[in-house]
Amino acid sequence: TLNYYTVAWFRQAPGKEREGVSCISSTDGS
């Protein structure tokens, strides 16, 4: 069902906070 969802990638390096890396929308692919 992933096609209907916004999906984002995050990363967390050792000793650091999680950070947002990239995002893609389901509606218009932005």
PDB file of all heavy atoms in Angstrom:
ATOM      1  N   THR A   1       0.816  -1.214   0.000  1.00  0.00           N
ATOM      2  CA  THR A   1       0.000   0.000   0.000  1.00  0.00           C
ATOM      3  C   THR A   1       0.845   1.257   0.000  1.00  0.00           C
ATOM      4  O   THR A   1       0.319   2.346   0.164  1.00  0.00           O
ATOM      5  CB  THR A   1      -0.933   0.024   1.216  1.00  0.00           C
ATOM      6  OG1 THR A   1      -0.148  -0.002   2.411  1.00  0.00           O
ATOM      7  CG2 THR A   1      -1.905  -1.132   1.191  1.00  0.00           C
ATOM      8  N   LEU A   2       2.153   1.134  -0.188  1.00  0.00           N
ATOM      9  CA  LEU A   2       3.047   2.280  -0.037  1.00  0.00           C
ATOM     10  C   LEU A   2       2.758   3.378  -1.047  1.00  0.00           C
ATOM     11  O   LEU A   2       3.064   4.538  -0.803  1.00  0.00           O
ATOM     12  CB  LEU A   2       4.501   1.803  -0.166  1.00  0.00           C
ATOM     13  CG  LEU A   2       5.582   2.741   0.336  1.00  0.00           C
ATOM     14  CD1 LEU A   2       5.385   3.052   1.806  1.00  0.00           C
ATOM     15  CD2 LEU A   2       6.960   2.129   0.107  1.00  0.00           C
ATOM     16  N   ASN A   3       2.162   3.006  -2.169  1.00  0.00           N
ATOM     17  CA  ASN A   3       1.890   3.980  -3.219  1.00  0.00           C
ATOM     18  C   ASN A   3       1.023   5.139  -2.739  1.00  0.00           C
ATOM     19  O   ASN A   3       1.058   6.221  -3.312  1.00  0.00           O
ATOM     20  CB  ASN A   3       1.196   3.301  -4.405  1.00  0.00           C
ATOM     21  CG  ASN A   3       2.086   2.247  -5.037  1.00  0.00           C
ATOM     22  OD1 ASN A   3       3.277   2.177  -4.783  1.00  0.00           O
ATOM     23  ND2 ASN A   3       1.479   1.408  -5.870  1.00  0.00           N
ATOM     24  N   TYR A   4       0.232   4.938  -1.712  1.00  0.00           N
ATOM     25  CA  TYR A   4      -0.698   5.949  -1.241  1.00  0.00           C
ATOM     26  C   TYR A   4      -0.093   6.881  -0.196  1.00  0.00           C
ATOM     27  O   TYR A   4      -0.760   7.810   0.268  1.00  0.00           O
ATOM     28  CB  TYR A   4      -1.944   5.282  -0.660  1.00  0.00           C
ATOM     29  CG  TYR A   4      -2.643   4.365  -1.629  1.00  0.00           C
ATOM     30  CD1 TYR A   4      -2.539   2.978  -1.509  1.00  0.00           C
ATOM     31  CD2 TYR A   4      -3.392   4.873  -2.678  1.00  0.00           C
ATOM     32  CE1 TYR A   4      -3.166   2.135  -2.403  1.00  0.00           C
ATOM     33  CE2 TYR A   4      -4.028   4.030  -3.577  1.00  0.00           C
ATOM     34  CZ  TYR A   4      -3.913   2.665  -3.433  1.00  0.00           C
ATOM     35  OH  TYR A   4      -4.537   1.826  -4.317  1.00  0.00           O
ATOM     36  N   TYR A   5       1.147   6.641   0.163  1.00  0.00           N
ATOM     37  CA  TYR A   5       1.763   7.358   1.271  1.00  0.00           C
ATOM     38  C   TYR A   5       2.913   8.260   0.833  1.00  0.00           C
ATOM     39  O   TYR A   5       3.641   7.955  -0.118  1.00  0.00           O
ATOM     40  CB  TYR A   5       2.314   6.364   2.301  1.00  0.00           C
ATOM     41  CG  TYR A   5       1.250   5.675   3.114  1.00  0.00           C
ATOM     42  CD1 TYR A   5       0.540   4.603   2.593  1.00  0.00           C
ATOM     43  CD2 TYR A   5       0.965   6.100   4.401  1.00  0.00           C
ATOM     44  CE1 TYR A   5      -0.437   3.968   3.328  1.00  0.00           C
ATOM     45  CE2 TYR A   5      -0.016   5.459   5.161  1.00  0.00           C
ATOM     46  CZ  TYR A   5      -0.712   4.402   4.606  1.00  0.00           C
ATOM     47  OH  TYR A   5      -1.679   3.783   5.354  1.00  0.00           O
ATOM     48  N   THR A   6       3.062   9.356   1.548  1.00  0.00           N
ATOM     49  CA  THR A   6       4.305  10.120   1.507  1.00  0.00           C
ATOM     50  C   THR A   6       5.381   9.266   2.166  1.00  0.00           C
ATOM     51  O   THR A   6       5.145   8.652   3.205  1.00  0.00           O
ATOM     52  CB  THR A   6       4.140  11.435   2.285  1.00  0.00           C
ATOM     53  OG1 THR A   6       3.292  12.313   1.539  1.00  0.00           O
ATOM     54  CG2 THR A   6       5.479  12.096   2.533  1.00  0.00           C
ATOM     55  N   VAL A   7       6.557   9.215   1.553  1.00  0.00           N
ATOM     56  CA  VAL A   7       7.659   8.436   2.106  1.00  0.00           C
ATOM     57  C   VAL A   7       8.878   9.337   2.261  1.00  0.00           C
ATOM     58  O   VAL A   7       9.200  10.122   1.366  1.00  0.00           O
ATOM     59  CB  VAL A   7       7.997   7.232   1.212  1.00  0.00           C
ATOM     60  CG1 VAL A   7       9.200   6.478   1.769  1.00  0.00           C
ATOM     61  CG2 VAL A   7       6.797   6.293   1.104  1.00  0.00           C
ATOM     62  N   ALA A   8       9.526   9.212   3.395  1.00  0.00           N
ATOM     63  CA  ALA A   8      10.734   9.999   3.656  1.00  0.00           C
ATOM     64  C   ALA A   8      11.857   9.092   4.126  1.00  0.00           C
ATOM     65  O   ALA A   8      11.611   8.039   4.717  1.00  0.00           O
ATOM     66  CB  ALA A   8      10.454  11.071   4.701  1.00  0.00           C
ATOM     67  N   TRP A   9      13.063   9.524   3.840  1.00  0.00           N
ATOM     68  CA  TRP A   9      14.257   8.857   4.349  1.00  0.00           C
ATOM     69  C   TRP A   9      14.866   9.718   5.433  1.00  0.00           C
ATOM     70  O   TRP A   9      14.989  10.944   5.278  1.00  0.00           O
ATOM     71  CB  TRP A   9      15.270   8.630   3.242  1.00  0.00           C
ATOM     72  CG  TRP A   9      14.903   7.534   2.301  1.00  0.00           C
ATOM     73  CD1 TRP A   9      14.257   7.665   1.100  1.00  0.00           C
ATOM     74  CD2 TRP A   9      15.152   6.143   2.465  1.00  0.00           C
ATOM     75  NE1 TRP A   9      14.088   6.431   0.516  1.00  0.00           N
ATOM     76  CE2 TRP A   9      14.641   5.476   1.334  1.00  0.00           C
ATOM     77  CE3 TRP A   9      15.770   5.375   3.459  1.00  0.00           C
ATOM     78  CZ2 TRP A   9      14.716   4.087   1.173  1.00  0.00           C
ATOM     79  CZ3 TRP A   9      15.845   4.002   3.288  1.00  0.00           C
ATOM     80  CH2 TRP A   9      15.329   3.371   2.161  1.00  0.00           C
ATOM     81  N   PHE A  10      15.253   9.061   6.518  1.00  0.00           N
ATOM     82  CA  PHE A  10      15.938   9.695   7.624  1.00  0.00           C
ATOM     83  C   PHE A  10      17.247   8.953   7.861  1.00  0.00           C
ATOM     84  O   PHE A  10      17.430   7.829   7.400  1.00  0.00           O
ATOM     85  CB  PHE A  10      15.088   9.622   8.904  1.00  0.00           C
ATOM     86  CG  PHE A  10      13.823  10.421   8.844  1.00  0.00           C
ATOM     87  CD1 PHE A  10      12.729   9.970   8.129  1.00  0.00           C
ATOM     88  CD2 PHE A  10      13.726  11.628   9.513  1.00  0.00           C
ATOM     89  CE1 PHE A  10      11.547  10.712   8.076  1.00  0.00           C
ATOM     90  CE2 PHE A  10      12.554  12.374   9.474  1.00  0.00           C
ATOM     91  CZ  PHE A  10      11.469  11.910   8.753  1.00  0.00           C
ATOM     92  N   ARG A  11      18.147   9.572   8.595  1.00  0.00           N
ATOM     93  CA  ARG A  11      19.360   8.875   8.992  1.00  0.00           C
ATOM     94  C   ARG A  11      19.757   9.302  10.393  1.00  0.00           C
ATOM     95  O   ARG A  11      19.416  10.393  10.846  1.00  0.00           O
ATOM     96  CB  ARG A  11      20.493   9.149   8.005  1.00  0.00           C
ATOM     97  CG  ARG A  11      20.996  10.585   7.984  1.00  0.00           C
ATOM     98  CD  ARG A  11      22.026  10.744   6.876  1.00  0.00           C
ATOM     99  NE  ARG A  11      22.572  12.097   6.827  1.00  0.00           N
ATOM    100  CZ  ARG A  11      23.401  12.523   5.889  1.00  0.00           C
ATOM    101  NH1 ARG A  11      23.791  11.699   4.901  1.00  0.00           N
ATOM    102  NH2 ARG A  11      23.862  13.769   5.928  1.00  0.00           N
ATOM    103  N   GLN A  12      20.455   8.394  11.044  1.00  0.00           N
ATOM    104  CA  GLN A  12      20.956   8.678  12.380  1.00  0.00           C
ATOM    105  C   GLN A  12      22.370   8.145  12.491  1.00  0.00           C
ATOM    106  O   GLN A  12      22.589   6.928  12.409  1.00  0.00           O
ATOM    107  CB  GLN A  12      20.067   8.074  13.462  1.00  0.00           C
ATOM    108  CG  GLN A  12      20.469   8.492  14.857  1.00  0.00           C
ATOM    109  CD  GLN A  12      19.395   8.217  15.884  1.00  0.00           C
ATOM    110  OE1 GLN A  12      18.495   7.405  15.676  1.00  0.00           O
ATOM    111  NE2 GLN A  12      19.463   8.909  17.012  1.00  0.00           N
ATOM    112  N   ALA A  13      23.299   9.063  12.660  1.00  0.00           N
ATOM    113  CA  ALA A  13      24.696   8.701  12.832  1.00  0.00           C
ATOM    114  C   ALA A  13      24.974   8.462  14.312  1.00  0.00           C
ATOM    115  O   ALA A  13      24.255   8.980  15.176  1.00  0.00           O
ATOM    116  CB  ALA A  13      25.586   9.817  12.290  1.00  0.00           C
ATOM    117  N   PRO A  14      26.012   7.697  14.629  1.00  0.00           N
ATOM    118  CA  PRO A  14      26.338   7.424  16.032  1.00  0.00           C
ATOM    119  C   PRO A  14      26.520   8.714  16.822  1.00  0.00           C
ATOM    120  O   PRO A  14      27.250   9.620  16.402  1.00  0.00           O
ATOM    121  CB  PRO A  14      27.650   6.647  15.941  1.00  0.00           C
ATOM    122  CG  PRO A  14      27.614   6.012  14.588  1.00  0.00           C
ATOM    123  CD  PRO A  14      26.915   7.002  13.708  1.00  0.00           C
ATOM    124  N   GLY A  15      25.816   8.811  17.935  1.00  0.00           N
ATOM    125  CA  GLY A  15      25.944   9.962  18.801  1.00  0.00           C
ATOM    126  C   GLY A  15      25.244  11.215  18.325  1.00  0.00           C
ATOM    127  O   GLY A  15      25.388  12.281  18.930  1.00  0.00           O
ATOM    128  N   LYS A  16      24.487  11.100  17.238  1.00  0.00           N
ATOM    129  CA  LYS A  16      23.801  12.271  16.694  1.00  0.00           C
ATOM    130  C   LYS A  16      22.296  12.040  16.652  1.00  0.00           C
ATOM    131  O   LYS A  16      21.816  10.912  16.713  1.00  0.00           O
ATOM    132  CB  LYS A  16      24.322  12.587  15.292  1.00  0.00           C
ATOM    133  CG  LYS A  16      25.779  13.022  15.262  1.00  0.00           C
ATOM    134  CD  LYS A  16      26.168  13.501  13.884  1.00  0.00           C
ATOM    135  CE  LYS A  16      27.608  14.016  13.870  1.00  0.00           C
ATOM    136  NZ  LYS A  16      28.004  14.514  12.522  1.00  0.00           N
ATOM    137  N   GLU A  17      21.561  13.130  16.525  1.00  0.00           N
ATOM    138  CA  GLU A  17      20.122  13.043  16.411  1.00  0.00           C
ATOM    139  C   GLU A  17      19.729  12.579  15.008  1.00  0.00           C
ATOM    140  O   GLU A  17      20.461  12.776  14.043  1.00  0.00           O
ATOM    141  CB  GLU A  17      19.482  14.395  16.721  1.00  0.00           C
ATOM    142  CG  GLU A  17      19.627  14.829  18.163  1.00  0.00           C
ATOM    143  CD  GLU A  17      18.851  16.096  18.469  1.00  0.00           C
ATOM    144  OE1 GLU A  17      18.260  16.679  17.535  1.00  0.00           O
ATOM    145  OE2 GLU A  17      18.817  16.490  19.639  1.00  0.00           O
ATOM    146  N   ARG A  18      18.561  11.998  14.928  1.00  0.00           N
ATOM    147  CA  ARG A  18      18.028  11.600  13.638  1.00  0.00           C
ATOM    148  C   ARG A  18      17.730  12.831  12.802  1.00  0.00           C
ATOM    149  O   ARG A  18      17.219  13.828  13.321  1.00  0.00           O
ATOM    150  CB  ARG A  18      16.762  10.777  13.841  1.00  0.00           C
ATOM    151  CG  ARG A  18      16.189  10.173  12.587  1.00  0.00           C
ATOM    152  CD  ARG A  18      14.984   9.325  12.932  1.00  0.00           C
ATOM    153  NE  ARG A  18      13.919  10.107  13.517  1.00  0.00           N
ATOM    154  CZ  ARG A  18      12.918   9.599  14.236  1.00  0.00           C
ATOM    155  NH1 ARG A  18      12.876   8.295  14.462  1.00  0.00           N
ATOM    156  NH2 ARG A  18      11.986  10.381  14.721  1.00  0.00           N
ATOM    157  N   GLU A  19      18.039  12.782  11.511  1.00  0.00           N
ATOM    158  CA  GLU A  19      17.782  13.917  10.644  1.00  0.00           C
ATOM    159  C   GLU A  19      17.037  13.467   9.385  1.00  0.00           C
ATOM    160  O   GLU A  19      17.255  12.361   8.875  1.00  0.00           O
ATOM    161  CB  GLU A  19      19.084  14.619  10.236  1.00  0.00           C
ATOM    162  CG  GLU A  19      20.010  13.806   9.374  1.00  0.00           C
ATOM    163  CD  GLU A  19      21.138  14.613   8.755  1.00  0.00           C
ATOM    164  OE1 GLU A  19      20.899  15.791   8.379  1.00  0.00           O
ATOM    165  OE2 GLU A  19      22.252  14.074   8.637  1.00  0.00           O
ATOM    166  N   GLY A  20      16.151  14.333   8.924  1.00  0.00           N
ATOM    167  CA  GLY A  20      15.445  14.071   7.674  1.00  0.00           C
ATOM    168  C   GLY A  20      16.371  14.309   6.502  1.00  0.00           C
ATOM    169  O   GLY A  20      17.129  15.275   6.475  1.00  0.00           O
ATOM    170  N   VAL A  21      16.320  13.400   5.523  1.00  0.00           N
ATOM    171  CA  VAL A  21      17.215  13.450   4.379  1.00  0.00           C
ATOM    172  C   VAL A  21      16.468  13.798   3.100  1.00  0.00           C
ATOM    173  O   VAL A  21      16.891  14.675   2.351  1.00  0.00           O
ATOM    174  CB  VAL A  21      17.931  12.100   4.221  1.00  0.00           C
ATOM    175  CG1 VAL A  21      18.723  12.053   2.929  1.00  0.00           C
ATOM    176  CG2 VAL A  21      18.828  11.829   5.415  1.00  0.00           C
ATOM    177  N   SER A  22      15.358  13.110   2.860  1.00  0.00           N
ATOM    178  CA  SER A  22      14.633  13.322   1.619  1.00  0.00           C
ATOM    179  C   SER A  22      13.195  12.851   1.776  1.00  0.00           C
ATOM    180  O   SER A  22      12.909  11.988   2.611  1.00  0.00           O
ATOM    181  CB  SER A  22      15.311  12.549   0.474  1.00  0.00           C
ATOM    182  OG  SER A  22      14.682  12.827  -0.761  1.00  0.00           O
ATOM    183  N   CYS A  23      12.324  13.428   0.967  1.00  0.00           N
ATOM    184  CA  CYS A  23      10.900  13.101   1.055  1.00  0.00           C
ATOM    185  C   CYS A  23      10.287  13.112  -0.330  1.00  0.00           C
ATOM    186  O   CYS A  23      10.689  13.921  -1.182  1.00  0.00           O
ATOM    187  CB  CYS A  23      10.205  14.129   1.948  1.00  0.00           C
ATOM    188  SG  CYS A  23       8.480  13.761   2.338  1.00  0.00           S
ATOM    189  N   ILE A  24       9.321  12.215  -0.560  1.00  0.00           N
ATOM    190  CA  ILE A  24       8.602  12.207  -1.833  1.00  0.00           C
ATOM    191  C   ILE A  24       7.118  12.045  -1.551  1.00  0.00           C
ATOM    192  O   ILE A  24       6.712  11.188  -0.770  1.00  0.00           O
ATOM    193  CB  ILE A  24       9.133  11.096  -2.777  1.00  0.00           C
ATOM    194  CG1 ILE A  24       8.467  11.192  -4.145  1.00  0.00           C
ATOM    195  CG2 ILE A  24       8.972   9.696  -2.183  1.00  0.00           C
ATOM    196  CD1 ILE A  24       9.170  10.355  -5.219  1.00  0.00           C
ATOM    197  N   SER A  25       6.333  12.900  -2.165  1.00  0.00           N
ATOM    198  CA  SER A  25       4.894  12.866  -1.947  1.00  0.00           C
ATOM    199  C   SER A  25       4.233  11.812  -2.825  1.00  0.00           C
ATOM    200  O   SER A  25       4.747  11.466  -3.891  1.00  0.00           O
ATOM    201  CB  SER A  25       4.287  14.233  -2.247  1.00  0.00           C
ATOM    202  OG  SER A  25       4.704  15.186  -1.307  1.00  0.00           O
ATOM    203  N   SER A  26       3.081  11.342  -2.389  1.00  0.00           N
ATOM    204  CA  SER A  26       2.345  10.348  -3.171  1.00  0.00           C
ATOM    205  C   SER A  26       1.446  10.992  -4.205  1.00  0.00           C
ATOM    206  O   SER A  26       1.148  10.391  -5.228  1.00  0.00           O
ATOM    207  CB  SER A  26       1.500   9.471  -2.240  1.00  0.00           C
ATOM    208  OG  SER A  26       0.523  10.274  -1.589  1.00  0.00           O
ATOM    209  N   THR A  27       1.024  12.223  -3.956  1.00  0.00           N
ATOM    210  CA  THR A  27       0.040  12.849  -4.839  1.00  0.00           C
ATOM    211  C   THR A  27       0.648  13.354  -6.143  1.00  0.00           C
ATOM    212  O   THR A  27       0.182  13.000  -7.226  1.00  0.00           O
ATOM    213  CB  THR A  27      -0.647  14.008  -4.121  1.00  0.00           C
ATOM    214  OG1 THR A  27       0.358  14.878  -3.582  1.00  0.00           O
ATOM    215  CG2 THR A  27      -1.510  13.490  -2.978  1.00  0.00           C
ATOM    216  N   ASP A  28       1.699  14.166  -6.033  1.00  0.00           N
ATOM    217  CA  ASP A  28       2.284  14.758  -7.238  1.00  0.00           C
ATOM    218  C   ASP A  28       3.742  14.397  -7.447  1.00  0.00           C
ATOM    219  O   ASP A  28       4.376  14.889  -8.373  1.00  0.00           O
ATOM    220  CB  ASP A  28       2.133  16.285  -7.209  1.00  0.00           C
ATOM    221  CG  ASP A  28       2.837  16.918  -6.036  1.00  0.00           C
ATOM    222  OD1 ASP A  28       3.473  16.184  -5.256  1.00  0.00           O
ATOM    223  OD2 ASP A  28       2.738  18.156  -5.890  1.00  0.00           O
ATOM    224  N   GLY A  29       4.285  13.546  -6.570  1.00  0.00           N
ATOM    225  CA  GLY A  29       5.670  13.126  -6.727  1.00  0.00           C
ATOM    226  C   GLY A  29       6.688  14.193  -6.389  1.00  0.00           C
ATOM    227  O   GLY A  29       7.876  14.032  -6.702  1.00  0.00           O
ATOM    228  N   SER A  30       6.257  15.280  -5.755  1.00  0.00           N
ATOM    229  CA  SER A  30       7.203  16.332  -5.394  1.00  0.00           C
ATOM    230  C   SER A  30       8.221  15.801  -4.401  1.00  0.00           C
ATOM    231  O   SER A  30       7.921  14.927  -3.589  1.00  0.00           O
ATOM    232  CB  SER A  30       6.472  17.541  -4.817  1.00  0.00           C
ATOM    233  OG  SER A  30       5.678  17.165  -3.711  1.00  0.00           O
TER     234      SER A  30
END
